[in-house]
All heavy atoms as atom14 arrays in JSON, in Angstrom:
{
  "sequence": "FYTTRDDAKLREIATATSMLQTELWAAVEGPALAQPTPLS",
  "atom14_mask": [
    [1, 1, 1, 1, 1, 1, 1, 1, 1, 1, 1, 0, 0, 0],
    [1, 1, 1, 1, 1, 1, 1, 1, 1, 1, 1, 1, 0, 0],
    [1, 1, 1, 1, 1, 1, 1, 0, 0, 0, 0, 0, 0, 0],
    [1, 1, 1, 1, 1, 1, 1, 0, 0, 0, 0, 0, 0, 0],
    [1, 1, 1, 1, 1, 1, 1, 1, 1, 1, 1, 0, 0, 0],
    [1, 1, 1, 1, 1, 1, 1, 1, 0, 0, 0, 0, 0, 0],
    [1, 1, 1, 1, 1, 1, 1, 1, 0, 0, 0, 0, 0, 0],
    [1, 1, 1, 1, 1, 0, 0, 0, 0, 0, 0, 0, 0, 0],
    [1, 1, 1, 1, 1, 1, 1, 1, 1, 0, 0, 0, 0, 0],
    [1, 1, 1, 1, 1, 1, 1, 1, 0, 0, 0, 0, 0, 0],
    [1, 1, 1, 1, 1, 1, 1, 1, 1, 1, 1, 0, 0, 0],
    [1, 1, 1, 1, 1, 1, 1, 1, 1, 0, 0, 0, 0, 0],
    [1, 1, 1, 1, 1, 1, 1, 1, 0, 0, 0, 0, 0, 0],
    [1, 1, 1, 1, 1, 0, 0, 0, 0, 0, 0, 0, 0, 0],
    [1, 1, 1, 1, 1, 1, 1, 0, 0, 0, 0, 0, 0, 0],
    [1, 1, 1, 1, 1, 0, 0, 0, 0, 0, 0, 0, 0, 0],
    [1, 1, 1, 1, 1, 1, 1, 0, 0, 0, 0, 0, 0, 0],
    [1, 1, 1, 1, 1, 1, 0, 0, 0, 0, 0, 0, 0, 0],
    [1, 1, 1, 1, 1, 1, 1, 1, 0, 0, 0, 0, 0, 0],
    [1, 1, 1, 1, 1, 1, 1, 1, 0, 0, 0, 0, 0, 0],
    [1, 1, 1, 1, 1, 1, 1, 1, 1, 0, 0, 0, 0, 0],
    [1, 1, 1, 1, 1, 1, 1, 0, 0, 0, 0, 0, 0, 0],
    [1, 1, 1, 1, 1, 1, 1, 1, 1, 0, 0, 0, 0, 0],
    [1, 1, 1, 1, 1, 1, 1, 1, 0, 0, 0, 0, 0, 0],
    [1, 1, 1, 1, 1, 1, 1, 1, 1, 1, 1, 1, 1, 1],
    [1, 1, 1, 1, 1, 0, 0, 0, 0, 0, 0, 0, 0, 0],
    [1, 1, 1, 1, 1, 0, 0, 0, 0, 0, 0, 0, 0, 0],
    [1, 1, 1, 1, 1, 1, 1, 0, 0, 0, 0, 0, 0, 0],
    [1, 1, 1, 1, 1, 1, 1, 1, 1, 0, 0, 0, 0, 0],
    [1, 1, 1, 1, 0, 0, 0, 0, 0, 0, 0, 0, 0, 0],
    [1, 1, 1, 1, 1, 1, 1, 0, 0, 0, 0, 0, 0, 0],
    [1, 1, 1, 1, 1, 0, 0, 0, 0, 0, 0, 0, 0, 0],
    [1, 1, 1, 1, 1, 1, 1, 1, 0, 0, 0, 0, 0, 0],
    [1, 1, 1, 1, 1, 0, 0, 0, 0, 0, 0, 0, 0, 0],
    [1, 1, 1, 1, 1, 1, 1, 1, 1, 0, 0, 0, 0, 0],
    [1, 1, 1, 1, 1, 1, 1, 0, 0, 0, 0, 0, 0, 0],
    [1, 1, 1, 1, 1, 1, 1, 0, 0, 0, 0, 0, 0, 0],
    [1, 1, 1, 1, 1, 1, 1, 0, 0, 0, 0, 0, 0, 0],
    [1, 1, 1, 1, 1, 1, 1, 1, 0, 0, 0, 0, 0, 0],
    [1, 1, 1, 1, 1, 1, 0, 0, 0, 0, 0, 0, 0, 0]
  ],
  "atom14_positions": [
    [[-18.2, 30.76, -2.25], [-19.4, 30.05, -2.72], [-20.61, 30.4, -1.86], [-21.72, 30.58, -2.36], [-19.15, 28.55, -2.71], [-20.38, 27.72, -2.96], [-20.87, 27.55, -4.25], [-21.05, 27.11, -1.91], [-22.0, 26.8, -4.48], [-22.19, 26.35, -2.13], [-22.66, 26.19, -3.42], [0.0, 0.0, 0.0], [0.0, 0.0, 0.0], [0.0, 0.0, 0.0]],
    [[-20.41, 30.49, -0.56], [-21.52, 30.77, 0.34], [-21.91, 32.24, 0.37], [-23.05, 32.57, 0.7], [-21.14, 30.34, 1.76], [-21.28, 28.86, 2.02], [-20.23, 27.99, 1.74], [-22.45, 28.32, 2.55], [-20.35, 26.62, 1.98], [-22.58, 26.96, 2.79], [-21.52, 26.12, 2.5], [-21.65, 24.77, 2.75], [0.0, 0.0, 0.0], [0.0, 0.0, 0.0]],
    [[-21.01, 33.13, 0.05], [-21.26, 34.55, 0.22], [-21.55, 35.3, -1.07], [-21.9, 36.48, -1.03], [-20.05, 35.23, 0.91], [-18.87, 34.99, 0.15], [-19.86, 34.67, 2.32], [0.0, 0.0, 0.0], [0.0, 0.0, 0.0], [0.0, 0.0, 0.0], [0.0, 0.0, 0.0], [0.0, 0.0, 0.0], [0.0, 0.0, 0.0], [0.0, 0.0, 0.0]],
    [[-21.4, 34.65, -2.22], [-21.59, 35.31, -3.51], [-22.99, 35.06, -4.05], [-23.5, 33.95, -3.96], [-20.55, 34.8, -4.54], [-19.24, 35.04, -4.03], [-20.71, 35.52, -5.87], [0.0, 0.0, 0.0], [0.0, 0.0, 0.0], [0.0, 0.0, 0.0], [0.0, 0.0, 0.0], [0.0, 0.0, 0.0], [0.0, 0.0, 0.0], [0.0, 0.0, 0.0]],
    [[-23.6, 36.1, -4.63], [-24.93, 35.97, -5.21], [-24.93, 36.11, -6.73], [-25.83, 35.63, -7.4], [-25.87, 37.03, -4.62], [-26.07, 36.91, -3.12], [-27.26, 37.71, -2.67], [-27.44, 37.68, -1.23], [-28.57, 38.02, -0.61], [-29.61, 38.4, -1.33], [-28.67, 37.96, 0.71], [0.0, 0.0, 0.0], [0.0, 0.0, 0.0], [0.0, 0.0, 0.0]],
    [[-23.94, 36.76, -7.27], [-23.89, 36.99, -8.71], [-23.67, 35.67, -9.45], [-22.75, 34.91, -9.13], [-22.76, 37.97, -9.05], [-22.73, 38.31, -10.52], [-23.62, 39.03, -10.99], [-21.8, 37.82, -11.21], [0.0, 0.0, 0.0], [0.0, 0.0, 0.0], [0.0, 0.0, 0.0], [0.0, 0.0, 0.0], [0.0, 0.0, 0.0], [0.0, 0.0, 0.0]],
    [[-24.53, 35.39, -10.45], [-24.46, 34.12, -11.17], [-23.16, 33.95, -11.93], [-22.58, 32.86, -11.96], [-25.65, 34.0, -12.14], [-26.96, 33.84, -11.4], [-26.94, 33.33, -10.26], [-28.01, 34.2, -11.97], [0.0, 0.0, 0.0], [0.0, 0.0, 0.0], [0.0, 0.0, 0.0], [0.0, 0.0, 0.0], [0.0, 0.0, 0.0], [0.0, 0.0, 0.0]],
    [[-22.67, 35.03, -12.56], [-21.43, 34.94, -13.32], [-20.24, 34.61, -12.41], [-19.41, 33.76, -12.73], [-21.18, 36.25, -14.07], [0.0, 0.0, 0.0], [0.0, 0.0, 0.0], [0.0, 0.0, 0.0], [0.0, 0.0, 0.0], [0.0, 0.0, 0.0], [0.0, 0.0, 0.0], [0.0, 0.0, 0.0], [0.0, 0.0, 0.0], [0.0, 0.0, 0.0]],
    [[-20.2, 35.27, -11.26], [-19.12, 35.0, -10.31], [-19.22, 33.6, -9.73], [-18.21, 32.94, -9.47], [-19.13, 36.04, -9.19], [-18.74, 37.44, -9.65], [-18.7, 38.42, -8.49], [-18.28, 39.8, -8.96], [-18.26, 40.79, -7.83], [0.0, 0.0, 0.0], [0.0, 0.0, 0.0], [0.0, 0.0, 0.0], [0.0, 0.0, 0.0], [0.0, 0.0, 0.0]],
    [[-20.45, 33.13, -9.54], [-20.63, 31.78, -9.03], [-20.12, 30.74, -10.02], [-19.56, 29.71, -9.62], [-22.11, 31.53, -8.73], [-22.65, 32.16, -7.44], [-24.15, 32.03, -7.37], [-22.01, 31.49, -6.22], [0.0, 0.0, 0.0], [0.0, 0.0, 0.0], [0.0, 0.0, 0.0], [0.0, 0.0, 0.0], [0.0, 0.0, 0.0], [0.0, 0.0, 0.0]],
    [[-20.32, 31.01, -11.3], [-19.78, 30.09, -12.32], [-18.25, 30.09, -12.28], [-17.61, 29.04, -12.44], [-20.3, 30.46, -13.7], [-21.77, 30.09, -13.93], [-22.16, 30.24, -15.38], [-22.16, 31.64, -15.81], [-23.22, 32.43, -15.75], [-24.36, 31.98, -15.24], [-23.17, 33.67, -16.18], [0.0, 0.0, 0.0], [0.0, 0.0, 0.0], [0.0, 0.0, 0.0]],
    [[-17.67, 31.28, -12.09], [-16.21, 31.35, -11.97], [-15.72, 30.59, -10.74], [-14.7, 29.9, -10.79], [-15.78, 32.82, -11.9], [-16.04, 33.63, -13.17], [-15.68, 35.09, -13.01], [-15.17, 35.45, -11.91], [-15.88, 35.87, -13.94], [0.0, 0.0, 0.0], [0.0, 0.0, 0.0], [0.0, 0.0, 0.0], [0.0, 0.0, 0.0], [0.0, 0.0, 0.0]],
    [[-16.45, 30.73, -9.64], [-16.08, 30.02, -8.42], [-16.18, 28.51, -8.61], [-15.31, 27.75, -8.15], [-16.97, 30.48, -7.25], [-16.68, 31.95, -6.89], [-16.79, 29.59, -6.03], [-17.7, 32.56, -5.95], [0.0, 0.0, 0.0], [0.0, 0.0, 0.0], [0.0, 0.0, 0.0], [0.0, 0.0, 0.0], [0.0, 0.0, 0.0], [0.0, 0.0, 0.0]],
    [[-17.22, 28.07, -9.31], [-17.38, 26.64, -9.57], [-16.23, 26.1, -10.41], [-15.71, 25.0, -10.14], [-18.71, 26.38, -10.28], [0.0, 0.0, 0.0], [0.0, 0.0, 0.0], [0.0, 0.0, 0.0], [0.0, 0.0, 0.0], [0.0, 0.0, 0.0], [0.0, 0.0, 0.0], [0.0, 0.0, 0.0], [0.0, 0.0, 0.0], [0.0, 0.0, 0.0]],
    [[-15.8, 26.87, -11.41], [-14.67, 26.46, -12.24], [-13.38, 26.39, -11.43], [-12.61, 25.42, -11.52], [-14.5, 27.42, -13.42], [-15.71, 27.46, -14.2], [-13.36, 26.98, -14.33], [0.0, 0.0, 0.0], [0.0, 0.0, 0.0], [0.0, 0.0, 0.0], [0.0, 0.0, 0.0], [0.0, 0.0, 0.0], [0.0, 0.0, 0.0], [0.0, 0.0, 0.0]],
    [[-13.14, 27.43, -10.63], [-11.93, 27.47, -9.81], [-11.94, 26.33, -8.78], [-10.9, 25.7, -8.53], [-11.82, 28.81, -9.1], [0.0, 0.0, 0.0], [0.0, 0.0, 0.0], [0.0, 0.0, 0.0], [0.0, 0.0, 0.0], [0.0, 0.0, 0.0], [0.0, 0.0, 0.0], [0.0, 0.0, 0.0], [0.0, 0.0, 0.0], [0.0, 0.0, 0.0]],
    [[-13.09, 26.06, -8.21], [-13.2, 24.97, -7.23], [-12.89, 23.63, -7.87], [-12.18, 22.79, -7.3], [-14.61, 24.95, -6.61], [-14.86, 26.19, -5.96], [-14.75, 23.82, -5.61], [0.0, 0.0, 0.0], [0.0, 0.0, 0.0], [0.0, 0.0, 0.0], [0.0, 0.0, 0.0], [0.0, 0.0, 0.0], [0.0, 0.0, 0.0], [0.0, 0.0, 0.0]],
    [[-13.44, 23.4, -9.06], [-13.19, 22.14, -9.76], [-11.71, 21.96, -10.08], [-11.15, 20.87, -9.92], [-14.02, 22.09, -11.05], [-13.79, 20.91, -11.76], [0.0, 0.0, 0.0], [0.0, 0.0, 0.0], [0.0, 0.0, 0.0], [0.0, 0.0, 0.0], [0.0, 0.0, 0.0], [0.0, 0.0, 0.0], [0.0, 0.0, 0.0], [0.0, 0.0, 0.0]],
    [[-11.07, 23.03, -10.52], [-9.63, 22.96, -10.82], [-8.81, 22.67, -9.56], [-7.88, 21.87, -9.57], [-9.17, 24.26, -11.48], [-9.76, 24.51, -12.86], [-9.3, 26.13, -13.54], [-7.51, 25.98, -13.6], [0.0, 0.0, 0.0], [0.0, 0.0, 0.0], [0.0, 0.0, 0.0], [0.0, 0.0, 0.0], [0.0, 0.0, 0.0], [0.0, 0.0, 0.0]],
    [[-9.16, 23.33, -8.47], [-8.45, 23.1, -7.21], [-8.64, 21.68, -6.7], [-7.7, 21.07, -6.16], [-8.91, 24.1, -6.15], [-8.35, 25.51, -6.26], [-9.09, 26.45, -5.31], [-6.86, 25.53, -5.93], [0.0, 0.0, 0.0], [0.0, 0.0, 0.0], [0.0, 0.0, 0.0], [0.0, 0.0, 0.0], [0.0, 0.0, 0.0], [0.0, 0.0, 0.0]],
    [[-9.83, 21.13, -6.88], [-10.08, 19.76, -6.47], [-9.19, 18.79, -7.24], [-8.65, 17.84, -6.67], [-11.55, 19.41, -6.65], [-12.46, 20.07, -5.63], [-13.92, 19.76, -5.88], [-14.32, 19.42, -7.0], [-14.73, 19.84, -4.84], [0.0, 0.0, 0.0], [0.0, 0.0, 0.0], [0.0, 0.0, 0.0], [0.0, 0.0, 0.0], [0.0, 0.0, 0.0]],
    [[-9.06, 19.05, -8.54], [-8.19, 18.2, -9.36], [-6.74, 18.29, -8.88], [-6.04, 17.26, -8.76], [-8.28, 18.61, -10.83], [-9.65, 18.51, -11.27], [-7.41, 17.72, -11.71], [0.0, 0.0, 0.0], [0.0, 0.0, 0.0], [0.0, 0.0, 0.0], [0.0, 0.0, 0.0], [0.0, 0.0, 0.0], [0.0, 0.0, 0.0], [0.0, 0.0, 0.0]],
    [[-6.3, 19.5, -8.6], [-4.92, 19.69, -8.14], [-4.72, 19.08, -6.75], [-3.65, 18.5, -6.47], [-4.58, 21.18, -8.12], [-4.54, 21.82, -9.5], [-4.18, 23.31, -9.42], [-3.43, 23.67, -8.5], [-4.67, 24.08, -10.26], [0.0, 0.0, 0.0], [0.0, 0.0, 0.0], [0.0, 0.0, 0.0], [0.0, 0.0, 0.0], [0.0, 0.0, 0.0]],
    [[-5.71, 19.2, -5.88], [-5.59, 18.64, -4.54], [-5.46, 17.12, -4.57], [-4.63, 16.54, -3.88], [-6.81, 19.05, -3.7], [-6.82, 20.47, -3.13], [-8.2, 20.83, -2.62], [-5.78, 20.6, -2.01], [0.0, 0.0, 0.0], [0.0, 0.0, 0.0], [0.0, 0.0, 0.0], [0.0, 0.0, 0.0], [0.0, 0.0, 0.0], [0.0, 0.0, 0.0]],
    [[-6.27, 16.5, -5.39], [-6.19, 15.04, -5.47], [-4.87, 14.6, -6.09], [-4.26, 13.63, -5.62], [-7.36, 14.48, -6.26], [-7.36, 12.98, -6.28], [-7.05, 12.17, -7.32], [-7.63, 12.14, -5.17], [-7.13, 10.85, -6.94], [-7.49, 10.8, -5.62], [-7.99, 12.37, -3.84], [-7.68, 9.71, -4.78], [-8.19, 11.28, -3.01], [-8.03, 9.97, -3.47]],
    [[-4.43, 15.31, -7.1], [-3.14, 14.97, -7.71], [-2.0, 15.15, -6.71], [-1.02, 14.39, -6.72], [-2.9, 15.83, -8.95], [0.0, 0.0, 0.0], [0.0, 0.0, 0.0], [0.0, 0.0, 0.0], [0.0, 0.0, 0.0], [0.0, 0.0, 0.0], [0.0, 0.0, 0.0], [0.0, 0.0, 0.0], [0.0, 0.0, 0.0], [0.0, 0.0, 0.0]],
    [[-2.14, 16.15, -5.82], [-1.07, 16.42, -4.85], [-0.92, 15.31, -3.82], [0.17, 15.08, -3.29], [-1.35, 17.75, -4.15], [0.0, 0.0, 0.0], [0.0, 0.0, 0.0], [0.0, 0.0, 0.0], [0.0, 0.0, 0.0], [0.0, 0.0, 0.0], [0.0, 0.0, 0.0], [0.0, 0.0, 0.0], [0.0, 0.0, 0.0], [0.0, 0.0, 0.0]],
    [[-2.02, 14.6, -3.51], [-1.91, 13.49, -2.56], [-1.78, 12.14, -3.27], [-1.28, 11.17, -2.67], [-3.12, 13.46, -1.6], [-3.19, 14.73, -0.79], [-4.42, 13.23, -2.36], [0.0, 0.0, 0.0], [0.0, 0.0, 0.0], [0.0, 0.0, 0.0], [0.0, 0.0, 0.0], [0.0, 0.0, 0.0], [0.0, 0.0, 0.0], [0.0, 0.0, 0.0]],
    [[-2.24, 12.09, -4.52], [-2.16, 10.83, -5.26], [-0.72, 10.44, -5.56], [-0.33, 9.27, -5.42], [-2.95, 10.95, -6.57], [-2.99, 9.66, -7.38], [-3.73, 9.84, -8.69], [-3.69, 10.97, -9.24], [-4.34, 8.87, -9.17], [0.0, 0.0, 0.0], [0.0, 0.0, 0.0], [0.0, 0.0, 0.0], [0.0, 0.0, 0.0], [0.0, 0.0, 0.0]],
    [[0.1, 11.44, -5.95], [1.49, 11.17, -6.28], [2.26, 10.55, -5.12], [2.84, 9.45, -5.25], [0.0, 0.0, 0.0], [0.0, 0.0, 0.0], [0.0, 0.0, 0.0], [0.0, 0.0, 0.0], [0.0, 0.0, 0.0], [0.0, 0.0, 0.0], [0.0, 0.0, 0.0], [0.0, 0.0, 0.0], [0.0, 0.0, 0.0], [0.0, 0.0, 0.0]],
    [[2.28, 11.19, -3.95], [2.99, 10.61, -2.81], [2.42, 9.26, -2.37], [3.17, 8.37, -1.96], [2.81, 11.66, -1.71], [2.57, 12.93, -2.42], [1.82, 12.57, -3.66], [0.0, 0.0, 0.0], [0.0, 0.0, 0.0], [0.0, 0.0, 0.0], [0.0, 0.0, 0.0], [0.0, 0.0, 0.0], [0.0, 0.0, 0.0], [0.0, 0.0, 0.0]],
    [[1.1, 9.1, -2.47], [0.49, 7.84, -2.05], [0.91, 6.69, -2.96], [1.11, 5.56, -2.49], [-1.02, 7.98, -2.03], [0.0, 0.0, 0.0], [0.0, 0.0, 0.0], [0.0, 0.0, 0.0], [0.0, 0.0, 0.0], [0.0, 0.0, 0.0], [0.0, 0.0, 0.0], [0.0, 0.0, 0.0], [0.0, 0.0, 0.0], [0.0, 0.0, 0.0]],
    [[1.02, 6.97, -4.26], [1.46, 5.92, -5.19], [2.96, 5.68, -5.09], [3.41, 4.53, -5.23], [1.09, 6.33, -6.62], [-0.42, 6.37, -6.95], [-0.63, 6.87, -8.37], [-1.06, 5.0, -6.76], [0.0, 0.0, 0.0], [0.0, 0.0, 0.0], [0.0, 0.0, 0.0], [0.0, 0.0, 0.0], [0.0, 0.0, 0.0], [0.0, 0.0, 0.0]],
    [[3.7, 6.73, -4.84], [5.16, 6.57, -4.74], [5.56, 5.81, -3.48], [6.44, 4.96, -3.51], [5.84, 7.94, -4.77], [0.0, 0.0, 0.0], [0.0, 0.0, 0.0], [0.0, 0.0, 0.0], [0.0, 0.0, 0.0], [0.0, 0.0, 0.0], [0.0, 0.0, 0.0], [0.0, 0.0, 0.0], [0.0, 0.0, 0.0], [0.0, 0.0, 0.0]],
    [[4.87, 6.11, -2.36], [5.15, 5.44, -1.09], [3.83, 5.03, -0.44], [3.28, 5.75, 0.4], [5.94, 6.35, -0.15], [7.32, 6.73, -0.67], [8.05, 7.64, 0.3], [7.48, 8.14, 1.26], [9.33, 7.86, 0.05], [0.0, 0.0, 0.0], [0.0, 0.0, 0.0], [0.0, 0.0, 0.0], [0.0, 0.0, 0.0], [0.0, 0.0, 0.0]],
    [[3.26, 3.89, -0.85], [1.96, 3.46, -0.32], [2.04, 2.95, 1.11], [2.12, 1.76, 1.38], [1.57, 2.34, -1.29], [2.85, 1.82, -1.83], [3.79, 2.98, -1.88], [0.0, 0.0, 0.0], [0.0, 0.0, 0.0], [0.0, 0.0, 0.0], [0.0, 0.0, 0.0], [0.0, 0.0, 0.0], [0.0, 0.0, 0.0], [0.0, 0.0, 0.0]],
    [[2.03, 3.9, 2.04], [2.1, 3.58, 3.47], [0.76, 3.89, 4.13], [-0.09, 4.62, 3.55], [3.2, 4.41, 4.14], [2.85, 5.8, 4.04], [4.55, 4.17, 3.46], [0.0, 0.0, 0.0], [0.0, 0.0, 0.0], [0.0, 0.0, 0.0], [0.0, 0.0, 0.0], [0.0, 0.0, 0.0], [0.0, 0.0, 0.0], [0.0, 0.0, 0.0]],
    [[0.52, 3.4, 5.34], [-0.7, 3.74, 6.05], [-0.88, 5.24, 6.25], [-2.0, 5.75, 6.22], [-0.55, 3.02, 7.4], [0.33, 1.86, 7.09], [1.29, 2.35, 6.05], [0.0, 0.0, 0.0], [0.0, 0.0, 0.0], [0.0, 0.0, 0.0], [0.0, 0.0, 0.0], [0.0, 0.0, 0.0], [0.0, 0.0, 0.0], [0.0, 0.0, 0.0]],
    [[0.22, 5.97, 6.41], [0.13, 7.41, 6.6], [-0.33, 8.12, 5.33], [-1.18, 9.02, 5.38], [1.49, 7.96, 7.05], [1.95, 7.56, 8.46], [3.31, 8.16, 8.75], [0.93, 8.0, 9.5], [0.0, 0.0, 0.0], [0.0, 0.0, 0.0], [0.0, 0.0, 0.0], [0.0, 0.0, 0.0], [0.0, 0.0, 0.0], [0.0, 0.0, 0.0]],
    [[0.22, 7.7, 4.2], [-0.21, 8.31, 2.93], [-1.65, 7.95, 2.61], [-2.39, 8.75, 2.04], [0.72, 7.87, 1.79], [0.65, 6.47, 1.6], [0.0, 0.0, 0.0], [0.0, 0.0, 0.0], [0.0, 0.0, 0.0], [0.0, 0.0, 0.0], [0.0, 0.0, 0.0], [0.0, 0.0, 0.0], [0.0, 0.0, 0.0], [0.0, 0.0, 0.0]]
  ]
}
């Protein structure tokens, strides 16, 4: 994101970033709901 200047590639990066954010939250949401501990 910081090193790319091409607009088309930046749009691709934005899409990939958004998808990764969704996956990252889902990856911690599942364990937190399954075992709601202070560590989770």
